[in-house]
Amino acid sequence: MKKALGLFMTVALMAILVGSGFAALFSDTETVSANSFTAGSLDLQVNGEDDPISFHFAETNMAPGTTYNAGTITLGNVGTLSGVLTVMVSNPVSNENDLIEPEVSDGDAPGVQVDLTGYDANAGDGELWDQCKMKLYFDMNADGVMQWNEPLIYSGPMGLDMTSYYSIALDTNLWTPNHGFDGVLAPSGTVDLGLYVTFLDDQASPFTSQPQYNGMTNNQAMTDDMTFDLIIGLEQLP
């Protein structure tokens, strides 16, 4: 009887404690505070500058049959993430400037760009753009001269306004990895980009061998100039 009564009282007491919301369990809490997430950066500079870039490739007093080394620029990634380089040519223009007697004698005329193919990829009335070719490359040893084993970005005609296929692809990335360089710039990484321009001789190939040059002469390009933009990008690695 005493045992039964004691058991009943124990059960009743537990019911009262549970019903009152009291539970004698150990507990502990900790707080992981000030959690923080920060974006990285991708920042391309040319010769240590952001736009507007003070440097531009330039040559004056150009003569047919001559190749000009226009120099190099240094591309640098001053961001915190790696990126892949892109290189595009945009906004080509060939200005007529002074239309002097040798040009007129060879068939050039005011407001006319001599182009018998009917395809015109550049603005302006000058003939210099179509008479030049260029070579863009990455100067891996930074010596200012292109070596045979250095990565080539583009090598070919500036214009050749025959069809869109034979003209330089505008506003299009010209760079594809070659000669062991994938175009990746790591943070703080740099690489030099160089440019050569050749003023083609109308007495030599390809003038004498390709039909798009029929009716075009070097004289028609006297005093003309050509301009274009180089758009260099740095895109995040996938």
Foldseek 3Di string as FASTA:
>chain_A
DVVVVVVVVVVVVVVVCVVVVDDPDDDDDDDDDDDDDDDWDWDKDKQNHDPPDPDDFDDPPDDAPDKDWSWKIKIWTQIQAKWFKFKFKAAKAKEQPDCDDLLVVLPQDPPAAPWPQPFDDHHYRAPQQQQKWKWKFWPAVPPSDDDPLTGTQDTAGCQLRNDCVRHPDGPDGSGCDDSPDRRMAHNGRMIMMIMMMHRHACVDPPNVPDPRNVSPHPSNRPPMDMDIDMDMDIHGDD
